[in-house]
PDB file of N, CA and C in Angstrom:
ATOM      1  N   MET A   1     -97.319 145.684 -10.691  1.00  0.00           N
ATOM      2  CA  MET A   1     -98.135 144.663  -9.589  1.00  0.00           C
ATOM      3  C   MET A   1     -99.275 144.433 -10.203  1.00  0.00           C
ATOM      4  N   LEU A   2     -99.993 145.009 -11.131  1.00  0.00           N
ATOM      5  CA  LEU A   2    -101.349 144.591 -11.731  1.00  0.00           C
ATOM      6  C   LEU A   2    -101.290 143.590 -12.613  1.00  0.00           C
ATOM      7  N   ASP A   3    -100.099 143.426 -13.288  1.00  0.00           N
ATOM      8  CA  ASP A   3     -99.868 142.260 -14.238  1.00  0.00           C
ATOM      9  C   ASP A   3     -99.644 141.105 -13.580  1.00  0.00           C
ATOM     10  N   HIS A   4     -99.012 141.121 -12.186  1.00  0.00           N
ATOM     11  CA  HIS A   4     -98.917 139.849 -11.599  1.00  0.00           C
ATOM     12  C   HIS A   4    -100.209 139.454 -10.972  1.00  0.00           C
ATOM     13  N   THR A   5    -100.879 140.444 -10.661  1.00  0.00           N
ATOM     14  CA  THR A   5    -102.236 140.027 -10.203  1.00  0.00           C
ATOM     15  C   THR A   5    -103.187 139.365 -10.941  1.00  0.00           C
ATOM     16  N   VAL A   6    -103.163 139.665 -12.151  1.00  0.00           N
ATOM     17  CA  VAL A   6    -103.862 139.056 -13.251  1.00  0.00           C
ATOM     18  C   VAL A   6    -103.318 138.032 -13.609  1.00  0.00           C
ATOM     19  N   ARG A   7    -102.088 137.711 -13.819  1.00  0.00           N
ATOM     20  CA  ARG A   7    -101.516 136.488 -13.970  1.00  0.00           C
ATOM     21  C   ARG A   7    -102.031 135.301 -12.904  1.00  0.00           C
ATOM     22  N   PHE A   8    -101.721 136.101 -11.667  1.00  0.00           N
ATOM     23  CA  PHE A   8    -102.216 135.076 -10.602  1.00  0.00           C
ATOM     24  C   PHE A   8    -103.761 134.546 -10.736  1.00  0.00           C
ATOM     25  N   LEU A   9    -104.460 135.487 -10.744  1.00  0.00           N
ATOM     26  CA  LEU A   9    -106.033 135.394 -10.697  1.00  0.00           C
ATOM     27  C   LEU A   9    -106.370 134.260 -11.906  1.00  0.00           C
ATOM     28  N   ALA A  10    -105.603 134.458 -13.205  1.00  0.00           N
ATOM     29  CA  ALA A  10    -105.902 133.605 -14.238  1.00  0.00           C
ATOM     30  C   ALA A  10    -105.214 132.366 -14.030  1.00  0.00           C
ATOM     31  N   TRP A  11    -104.344 132.155 -13.411  1.00  0.00           N
ATOM     32  CA  TRP A  11    -103.764 130.641 -12.995  1.00  0.00           C
ATOM     33  C   TRP A  11    -104.751 130.226 -11.886  1.00  0.00           C
ATOM     34  N   VAL A  12    -105.064 130.843 -10.960  1.00  0.00           N
ATOM     35  CA  VAL A  12    -105.961 130.503 -10.049  1.00  0.00           C
ATOM     36  C   VAL A  12    -107.310 129.743 -10.668  1.00  0.00           C
ATOM     37  N   LEU A  13    -108.054 130.804 -11.579  1.00  0.00           N
ATOM     38  CA  LEU A  13    -109.203 130.438 -12.085  1.00  0.00           C
ATOM     39  C   LEU A  13    -109.032 129.140 -13.049  1.00  0.00           C
ATOM     40  N   GLY A  14    -107.730 129.178 -13.712  1.00  0.00           N
ATOM     41  CA  GLY A  14    -107.606 127.850 -14.567  1.00  0.00           C
ATOM     42  C   GLY A  14    -107.852 126.336 -13.751  1.00  0.00           C
ATOM     43  N   ILE A  15    -107.079 126.650 -12.387  1.00  0.00           N
ATOM     44  CA  ILE A  15    -106.946 125.568 -11.755  1.00  0.00           C
ATOM     45  C   ILE A  15    -108.455 125.132 -10.898  1.00  0.00           C
ATOM     46  N   CYS A  16    -109.166 126.143 -10.463  1.00  0.00           N
ATOM     47  CA  CYS A  16    -110.345 126.034  -9.667  1.00  0.00           C
ATOM     48  C   CYS A  16    -111.695 125.728 -10.566  1.00  0.00           C
ATOM     49  N   THR A  17    -111.732 126.186 -11.939  1.00  0.00           N
ATOM     50  CA  THR A  17    -112.837 126.121 -12.761  1.00  0.00           C
ATOM     51  C   THR A  17    -112.764 124.788 -13.676  1.00  0.00           C
ATOM     52  N   PRO A  18    -113.958 124.224 -13.753  1.00  0.00           N
ATOM     53  CA  PRO A  18    -113.928 123.189 -14.743  1.00  0.00           C
ATOM     54  C   PRO A  18    -113.620 123.438 -16.112  1.00  0.00           C
ATOM     55  N   ARG A  19    -112.790 122.597 -16.939  1.00  0.00           N
ATOM     56  CA  ARG A  19    -112.827 123.114 -18.270  1.00  0.00           C
ATOM     57  C   ARG A  19    -113.607 122.677 -19.117  1.00  0.00           C
ATOM     58  N   PRO A  20    -114.271 123.688 -19.825  1.00  0.00           N
ATOM     59  CA  PRO A  20    -115.479 123.220 -20.992  1.00  0.00           C
ATOM     60  C   PRO A  20    -115.078 122.496 -21.897  1.00  0.00           C
ATOM     61  N   ARG A  21    -115.886 121.731 -22.411  1.00  0.00           N
ATOM     62  CA  ARG A  21    -115.883 120.773 -23.326  1.00  0.00           C
ATOM     63  C   ARG A  21    -116.772 120.884 -24.547  1.00  0.00           C
ATOM     64  N   GLY A  22    -116.335 120.624 -25.642  1.00  0.00           N
ATOM     65  CA  GLY A  22    -117.333 120.549 -26.666  1.00  0.00           C
ATOM     66  C   GLY A  22    -116.781 121.547 -27.858  1.00  0.00           C
ATOM     67  N   ARG A  23    -117.583 122.190 -28.586  1.00  0.00           N
ATOM     68  CA  ARG A  23    -117.362 122.826 -29.688  1.00  0.00           C
ATOM     69  C   ARG A  23    -117.276 124.331 -29.402  1.00  0.00           C
ATOM     70  N   HIS A  24    -118.139 124.848 -28.224  1.00  0.00           N
ATOM     71  CA  HIS A  24    -118.103 126.095 -27.824  1.00  0.00           C
ATOM     72  C   HIS A  24    -117.306 126.397 -26.570  1.00  0.00           C
ATOM     73  N   ARG A  25    -116.203 126.000 -26.505  1.00  0.00           N
ATOM     74  CA  ARG A  25    -115.569 125.977 -25.138  1.00  0.00           C
ATOM     75  C   ARG A  25    -114.594 127.431 -25.325  1.00  0.00           C
ATOM     76  N   LEU A  26    -114.197 127.944 -24.422  1.00  0.00           N
ATOM     77  CA  LEU A  26    -113.634 129.161 -24.037  1.00  0.00           C
ATOM     78  C   LEU A  26    -112.102 128.892 -24.553  1.00  0.00           C
ATOM     79  N   GLY A  27    -111.709 129.767 -25.132  1.00  0.00           N
ATOM     80  CA  GLY A  27    -109.930 130.086 -25.459  1.00  0.00           C
ATOM     81  C   GLY A  27    -109.180 130.161 -24.226  1.00  0.00           C
ATOM     82  N   ALA A  28    -107.803 130.265 -24.613  1.00  0.00           N
ATOM     83  CA  ALA A  28    -106.974 130.351 -23.322  1.00  0.00           C
ATOM     84  C   ALA A  28    -107.090 131.799 -22.813  1.00  0.00           C
ATOM     85  N   ILE A  29    -107.030 132.045 -21.550  1.00  0.00           N
ATOM     86  CA  ILE A  29    -107.074 133.348 -21.025  1.00  0.00           C
ATOM     87  C   ILE A  29    -105.808 134.236 -21.682  1.00  0.00           C
ATOM     88  N   PRO A  30    -105.788 135.109 -22.177  1.00  0.00           N
ATOM     89  CA  PRO A  30    -104.616 136.150 -22.609  1.00  0.00           C
ATOM     90  C   PRO A  30    -104.018 136.504 -21.428  1.00  0.00           C
ATOM     91  N   ILE A  31    -102.628 136.467 -21.494  1.00  0.00           N
ATOM     92  CA  ILE A  31    -101.999 136.912 -20.271  1.00  0.00           C
ATOM     93  C   ILE A  31    -101.322 138.049 -20.802  1.00  0.00           C
ATOM     94  N   PRO A  32    -101.428 139.203 -20.278  1.00  0.00           N
ATOM     95  CA  PRO A  32    -100.912 140.505 -20.807  1.00  0.00           C
ATOM     96  C   PRO A  32     -99.339 140.751 -20.618  1.00  0.00           C
ATOM     97  N   PRO A  33     -98.490 141.081 -21.310  1.00  0.00           N
ATOM     98  CA  PRO A  33     -97.165 141.167 -21.595  1.00  0.00           C
ATOM     99  C   PRO A  33     -96.740 142.129 -20.253  1.00  0.00           C
ATOM    100  N   LEU A  34     -95.616 141.583 -19.742  1.00  0.00           N
ATOM    101  CA  LEU A  34     -94.859 142.585 -18.707  1.00  0.00           C
ATOM    102  C   LEU A  34     -94.386 143.798 -19.572  1.00  0.00           C
ATOM    103  N   ARG A  35     -94.862 144.708 -19.114  1.00  0.00           N
ATOM    104  CA  ARG A  35     -94.037 146.384 -19.246  1.00  0.00           C
ATOM    105  C   ARG A  35     -93.413 146.987 -18.104  1.00  0.00           C
ATOM    106  N   PHE A  36     -92.190 147.529 -18.222  1.00  0.00           N
ATOM    107  CA  PHE A  36     -91.591 148.436 -17.659  1.00  0.00           C
ATOM    108  C   PHE A  36     -92.375 149.844 -17.261  1.00  0.00           C
ATOM    109  N   THR A  37     -92.912 150.191 -16.175  1.00  0.00           N
ATOM    110  CA  THR A  37     -93.420 151.535 -15.975  1.00  0.00           C
ATOM    111  C   THR A  37     -92.326 152.132 -15.012  1.00  0.00           C
ATOM    112  N   PRO A  38     -91.861 153.301 -15.379  1.00  0.00           N
ATOM    113  CA  PRO A  38     -91.269 154.132 -14.547  1.00  0.00           C
ATOM    114  C   PRO A  38     -91.807 154.714 -13.471  1.00  0.00           C
ATOM    115  N   ALA A  39     -90.890 154.826 -12.192  1.00  0.00           N
ATOM    116  CA  ALA A  39     -91.607 155.254 -10.982  1.00  0.00           C
ATOM    117  C   ALA A  39     -92.096 156.678 -11.290  1.00  0.00           C
ATOM    118  N   PRO A  40     -93.229 157.207 -10.465  1.00  0.00           N
ATOM    119  CA  PRO A  40     -93.714 158.429 -10.567  1.00  0.00           C
ATOM    120  C   PRO A  40     -92.851 159.312  -9.891  1.00  0.00           C
ATOM    121  N   PRO A  41     -92.762 160.871 -10.494  1.00  0.00           N
ATOM    122  CA  PRO A  41     -91.956 161.858  -9.788  1.00  0.00           C
ATOM    123  C   PRO A  41     -92.494 162.033  -8.272  1.00  0.00           C
ATOM    124  N   PRO A  42     -91.718 162.534  -7.696  1.00  0.00           N
ATOM    125  CA  PRO A  42     -92.004 162.826  -6.286  1.00  0.00           C
ATOM    126  C   PRO A  42     -92.972 163.910  -5.951  1.00  0.00           C
ATOM    127  N   ARG A  43     -94.203 163.935  -5.149  1.00  0.00           N
ATOM    128  CA  ARG A  43     -94.989 164.608  -5.072  1.00  0.00           C
ATOM    129  C   ARG A  43     -94.625 166.084  -4.497  1.00  0.00           C
ATOM    130  N   PHE A  44     -93.842 165.882  -3.406  1.00  0.00           N
ATOM    131  CA  PHE A  44     -93.370 167.156  -2.695  1.00  0.00           C
ATOM    132  C   PHE A  44     -91.936 167.133  -2.838  1.00  0.00           C
ATOM    133  N   THR A  45     -91.491 168.341  -3.378  1.00  0.00           N
ATOM    134  CA  THR A  45     -90.133 168.586  -3.670  1.00  0.00           C
ATOM    135  C   THR A  45     -89.645 169.703  -2.712  1.00  0.00           C
ATOM    136  N   GLU A  46     -90.484 170.481  -1.971  1.00  0.00           N
ATOM    137  CA  GLU A  46     -89.946 171.827  -1.148  1.00  0.00           C
ATOM    138  C   GLU A  46     -89.717 171.157   0.182  1.00  0.00           C
ATOM    139  N   ILE A  47     -88.987 172.005   0.696  1.00  0.00           N
ATOM    140  CA  ILE A  47     -88.660 171.643   2.246  1.00  0.00           C
ATOM    141  C   ILE A  47     -89.535 172.056   3.228  1.00  0.00           C
ATOM    142  N   LEU A  48     -90.148 171.526   4.071  1.00  0.00           N
ATOM    143  CA  LEU A  48     -91.066 172.002   4.943  1.00  0.00           C
ATOM    144  C   LEU A  48     -90.209 172.606   6.267  1.00  0.00           C
ATOM    145  N   ASP A  49     -90.900 173.866   6.522  1.00  0.00           N
ATOM    146  CA  ASP A  49     -90.196 174.678   7.582  1.00  0.00           C
ATOM    147  C   ASP A  49     -90.777 174.326   9.021  1.00  0.00           C
ATOM    148  N   GLY A  50     -89.975 173.827   9.699  1.00  0.00           N
ATOM    149  CA  GLY A  50     -90.617 173.414  11.314  1.00  0.00           C
ATOM    150  C   GLY A  50     -91.077 174.465  12.187  1.00  0.00           C
ATOM    151  N   ASN A  51     -90.544 175.640  11.970  1.00  0.00           N
ATOM    152  CA  ASN A  51     -90.852 176.684  12.616  1.00  0.00           C
ATOM    153  C   ASN A  51     -92.152 177.394  12.321  1.00  0.00           C
ATOM    154  N   ALA A  52     -92.682 177.021  11.328  1.00  0.00           N
ATOM    155  CA  ALA A  52     -93.880 177.627  10.648  1.00  0.00           C
ATOM    156  C   ALA A  52     -95.120 176.996  11.701  1.00  0.00           C
ATOM    157  N   SER A  53     -94.889 175.741  12.117  1.00  0.00           N
ATOM    158  CA  SER A  53     -96.075 174.845  12.844  1.00  0.00           C
ATOM    159  C   SER A  53     -95.922 175.497  14.167  1.00  0.00           C
ATOM    160  N   ARG A  54     -97.356 175.014  14.744  1.00  0.00           N
ATOM    161  CA  ARG A  54     -97.225 175.190  16.276  1.00  0.00           C
ATOM    162  C   ARG A  54     -96.918 173.946  16.873  1.00  0.00           C
ATOM    163  N   LEU A  55     -96.276 174.299  18.045  1.00  0.00           N
ATOM    164  CA  LEU A  55     -95.517 173.082  18.635  1.00  0.00           C
ATOM    165  C   LEU A  55     -96.374 172.318  19.865  1.00  0.00           C
ATOM    166  N   VAL A  56     -97.493 173.133  20.294  1.00  0.00           N
ATOM    167  CA  VAL A  56     -98.630 172.297  21.001  1.00  0.00           C
ATOM    168  C   VAL A  56     -99.735 171.670  20.148  1.00  0.00           C
ATOM    169  N   ARG A  57     -99.903 170.516  20.321  1.00  0.00           N
ATOM    170  CA  ARG A  57    -101.080 169.871  19.474  1.00  0.00           C
ATOM    171  C   ARG A  57    -102.388 170.191  19.926  1.00  0.00           C
ATOM    172  N   PRO A  58    -103.313 170.655  19.180  1.00  0.00           N
ATOM    173  CA  PRO A  58    -104.492 171.072  19.663  1.00  0.00           C
ATOM    174  C   PRO A  58    -105.503 169.990  20.425  1.00  0.00           C
ATOM    175  N   TYR A  59    -105.345 169.089  20.289  1.00  0.00           N
ATOM    176  CA  TYR A  59    -106.235 167.878  21.028  1.00  0.00           C
ATOM    177  C   TYR A  59    -105.465 167.433  22.458  1.00  0.00           C
ATOM    178  N   VAL A  60    -104.401 168.066  22.840  1.00  0.00           N
ATOM    179  CA  VAL A  60    -104.001 167.877  24.002  1.00  0.00           C
ATOM    180  C   VAL A  60    -104.723 168.626  25.235  1.00  0.00           C
ATOM    181  N   LEU A  61    -105.175 167.803  26.146  1.00  0.00           N
ATOM    182  CA  LEU A  61    -105.919 168.481  27.110  1.00  0.00           C
ATOM    183  C   LEU A  61    -105.035 168.974  28.386  1.00  0.00           C
ATOM    184  N   ASN A  62    -105.612 170.129  28.924  1.00  0.00           N
ATOM    185  CA  ASN A  62    -104.912 170.433  30.149  1.00  0.00           C
ATOM    186  C   ASN A  62    -105.463 169.415  31.105  1.00  0.00           C
ATOM    187  N   PRO A  63    -105.102 169.510  32.666  1.00  0.00           N
ATOM    188  CA  PRO A  63    -105.585 168.637  33.529  1.00  0.00           C
ATOM    189  C   PRO A  63    -106.699 168.776  34.011  1.00  0.00           C
ATOM    190  N   ALA A  64    -107.341 169.922  34.017  1.00  0.00           N
ATOM    191  CA  ALA A  64    -108.622 170.167  34.369  1.00  0.00           C
ATOM    192  C   ALA A  64    -109.825 169.672  33.307  1.00  0.00           C
ATOM    193  N   GLU A  65    -109.490 170.002  31.808  1.00  0.00           N
ATOM    194  CA  GLU A  65    -110.230 169.337  30.889  1.00  0.00           C
ATOM    195  C   GLU A  65    -110.408 167.975  31.121  1.00  0.00           C
ATOM    196  N   HIS A  66    -109.077 167.162  31.358  1.00  0.00           N
ATOM    197  CA  HIS A  66    -108.994 165.846  31.173  1.00  0.00           C
ATOM    198  C   HIS A  66    -109.998 165.262  32.291  1.00  0.00           C
ATOM    199  N   ARG A  67    -109.976 165.980  33.505  1.00  0.00           N
ATOM    200  CA  ARG A  67    -110.981 165.392  34.518  1.00  0.00           C
ATOM    201  C   ARG A  67    -112.069 165.468  34.087  1.00  0.00           C
ATOM    202  N   ARG A  68    -112.587 166.653  33.572  1.00  0.00           N
ATOM    203  CA  ARG A  68    -114.283 166.746  33.245  1.00  0.00           C
ATOM    204  C   ARG A  68    -114.260 165.976  32.256  1.00  0.00           C
ATOM    205  N   GLN A  69    -113.512 165.527  31.263  1.00  0.00           N
ATOM    206  CA  GLN A  69    -113.896 164.448  30.170  1.00  0.00           C
ATOM    207  C   GLN A  69    -114.034 162.880  30.942  1.00  0.00           C
ATOM    208  N   ARG A  70    -112.997 162.720  31.731  1.00  0.00           N
ATOM    209  CA  ARG A  70    -112.977 161.296  32.458  1.00  0.00           C
ATOM    210  C   ARG A  70    -114.299 161.262  33.275  1.00  0.00           C
ATOM    211  N   GLU A  71    -114.957 162.418  34.000  1.00  0.00           N
ATOM    212  CA  GLU A  71    -116.169 162.591  34.828  1.00  0.00           C
ATOM    213  C   GLU A  71    -117.397 162.270  33.904  1.00  0.00           C
ATOM    214  N   ARG A  72    -117.352 162.859  32.731  1.00  0.00           N
ATOM    215  CA  ARG A  72    -118.336 162.533  31.637  1.00  0.00           C
ATOM    216  C   ARG A  72    -118.431 161.077  31.273  1.00  0.00           C
ATOM    217  N   ARG A  73    -117.170 160.650  30.943  1.00  0.00           N
ATOM    218  CA  ARG A  73    -117.233 159.339  30.469  1.00  0.00           C
ATOM    219  C   ARG A  73    -117.466 158.439  31.630  1.00  0.00           C
ATOM    220  N   ARG A  74    -117.144 158.614  32.653  1.00  0.00           N
ATOM    221  CA  ARG A  74    -117.930 157.743  33.826  1.00  0.00           C
ATOM    222  C   ARG A  74    -119.268 157.641  34.193  1.00  0.00           C
ATOM    223  N   ALA A  75    -119.882 158.831  34.031  1.00  0.00           N
ATOM    224  CA  ALA A  75    -121.228 159.042  33.860  1.00  0.00           C
ATOM    225  C   ALA A  75    -121.939 158.673  32.945  1.00  0.00           C
ATOM    226  N   LEU A  76    -121.222 158.400  31.641  1.00  0.00           N
ATOM    227  CA  LEU A  76    -121.986 157.681  30.653  1.00  0.00           C
ATOM    228  C   LEU A  76    -121.992 156.465  30.852  1.00  0.00           C
ATOM    229  N   TYR A  77    -120.947 155.703  31.238  1.00  0.00           N
ATOM    230  CA  TYR A  77    -120.761 154.506  31.564  1.00  0.00           C
ATOM    231  C   TYR A  77    -121.658 153.808  32.418  1.00  0.00           C
ATOM    232  N   LEU A  78    -121.612 154.625  33.598  1.00  0.00           N
ATOM    233  CA  LEU A  78    -122.744 154.226  34.641  1.00  0.00           C
ATOM    234  C   LEU A  78    -124.195 154.298  34.218  1.00  0.00           C
ATOM    235  N   ALA A  79    -124.640 155.226  33.389  1.00  0.00           N
ATOM    236  CA  ALA A  79    -125.793 155.614  32.922  1.00  0.00           C
ATOM    237  C   ALA A  79    -126.047 154.002  32.158  1.00  0.00           C
ATOM    238  N   THR A  80    -125.275 153.561  31.543  1.00  0.00           N
ATOM    239  CA  THR A  80    -125.808 152.190  30.989  1.00  0.00           C
ATOM    240  C   THR A  80    -125.975 151.204  31.720  1.00  0.00           C
ATOM    241  N   LEU A  81    -125.422 151.402  32.764  1.00  0.00           N
ATOM    242  CA  LEU A  81    -125.919 150.377  33.882  1.00  0.00           C
ATOM    243  C   LEU A  81    -126.969 150.667  34.822  1.00  0.00           C
ATOM    244  N   GLY A  82    -127.481 151.892  34.546  1.00  0.00           N
ATOM    245  CA  GLY A  82    -128.720 152.377  35.082  1.00  0.00           C
ATOM    246  C   GLY A  82    -128.613 153.183  36.429  1.00  0.00           C
ATOM    247  N   ILE A  83    -127.412 153.529  36.651  1.00  0.00           N
ATOM    248  CA  ILE A  83    -127.048 154.376  37.730  1.00  0.00           C
ATOM    249  C   ILE A  83    -126.743 155.905  37.376  1.00  0.00           C
ATOM    250  N   ASP A  84    -127.406 156.864  38.151  1.00  0.00           N
ATOM    251  CA  ASP A  84    -127.534 158.272  37.516  1.00  0.00           C
ATOM    252  C   ASP A  84    -126.596 158.820  38.509  1.00  0.00           C
ATOM    253  N   VAL A  85    -125.617 159.485  38.016  1.00  0.00           N
ATOM    254  CA  VAL A  85    -124.454 160.390  38.704  1.00  0.00           C
ATOM    255  C   VAL A  85    -124.267 161.714  38.036  1.00  0.00           C
ATOM    256  N   GLY A  86    -125.384 162.095  37.331  1.00  0.00           N
ATOM    257  CA  GLY A  86    -125.405 163.117  36.585  1.00  0.00           C
ATOM    258  C   GLY A  86    -124.916 164.552  37.691  1.00  0.00           C
ATOM    259  N   PRO A  87    -125.113 165.672  37.027  1.00  0.00           N
ATOM    260  CA  PRO A  87    -124.683 166.991  37.882  1.00  0.00           C
ATOM    261  C   PRO A  87    -125.765 167.220  39.040  1.00  0.00           C
ATOM    262  N   ASP A  88    -125.327 167.946  39.873  1.00  0.00           N
ATOM    263  CA  ASP A  88    -126.214 168.243  41.034  1.00  0.00           C
ATOM    264  C   ASP A  88    -127.236 169.763  40.782  1.00  0.00           C
ATOM    265  N   HIS A  89    -126.499 170.390  39.623  1.00  0.00           N
ATOM    266  CA  HIS A  89    -127.442 171.548  39.249  1.00  0.00           C
ATOM    267  C   HIS A  89    -127.354 171.492  37.734  1.00  0.00           C
ATOM    268  N   ILE A  90    -128.544 171.739  37.150  1.00  0.00           N
ATOM    269  CA  ILE A  90    -128.574 171.913  35.686  1.00  0.00           C
ATOM    270  C   ILE A  90    -129.231 173.316  35.483  1.00  0.00           C
ATOM    271  N   HIS A  91    -128.722 173.932  34.835  1.00  0.00           N
ATOM    272  CA  HIS A  91    -129.032 175.174  34.648  1.00  0.00           C
ATOM    273  C   HIS A  91    -129.351 176.278  35.692  1.00  0.00           C
ATOM    274  N   GLY A  92    -128.579 175.970  36.683  1.00  0.00           N
ATOM    275  CA  GLY A  92    -128.473 176.715  37.931  1.00  0.00           C
ATOM    276  C   GLY A  92    -129.421 176.246  38.950  1.00  0.00           C
ATOM    277  N   ILE A  93    -130.392 175.284  38.515  1.00  0.00           N
ATOM    278  CA  ILE A  93    -131.329 174.692  39.302  1.00  0.00           C
ATOM    279  C   ILE A  93    -130.780 173.301  40.043  1.00  0.00           C
ATOM    280  N   PRO A  94    -130.899 173.286  41.313  1.00  0.00           N
ATOM    281  CA  PRO A  94    -130.655 172.133  42.250  1.00  0.00           C
ATOM    282  C   PRO A  94    -131.285 170.725  41.606  1.00  0.00           C
ATOM    283  N   VAL A  95    -130.730 169.801  41.520  1.00  0.00           N
ATOM    284  CA  VAL A  95    -131.593 168.613  40.923  1.00  0.00           C
ATOM    285  C   VAL A  95    -131.025 167.511  42.080  1.00  0.00           C
ATOM    286  N   THR A  96    -132.075 166.809  42.455  1.00  0.00           N
ATOM    287  CA  THR A  96    -131.852 165.654  43.579  1.00  0.00           C
ATOM    288  C   THR A  96    -132.280 164.393  42.609  1.00  0.00           C
ATOM    289  N   ALA A  97    -131.478 163.398  43.164  1.00  0.00           N
ATOM    290  CA  ALA A  97    -131.963 161.909  42.665  1.00  0.00           C
ATOM    291  C   ALA A  97    -133.192 161.393  43.274  1.00  0.00           C
ATOM    292  N   ARG A  98    -133.658 160.576  42.436  1.00  0.00           N
ATOM    293  CA  ARG A  98    -135.141 160.070  42.869  1.00  0.00           C
ATOM    294  C   ARG A  98    -135.049 158.673  43.106  1.00  0.00           C
TER     295      ARG A  98
END
């Protein structure tokens, strides 16, 4: 793939750049010869055991956690609009809106 990229860039540069004139002009851009490279061997050859992994994804929230996260996000969004809908108690002390 690299050889094709180099050939393509050499062709595009040959079209887009002006050709130098005079005694000190550049020679032709050498095009690398095509070579066959074998595919690399596979990295993982062992069979994975599906029973060894946990069935529950750790980032899945239960309904109560999902509700608390939704409330926090709503409070943060409303805070960007200048509306305070924070908690009624902070560290056990009742807080009122001013």
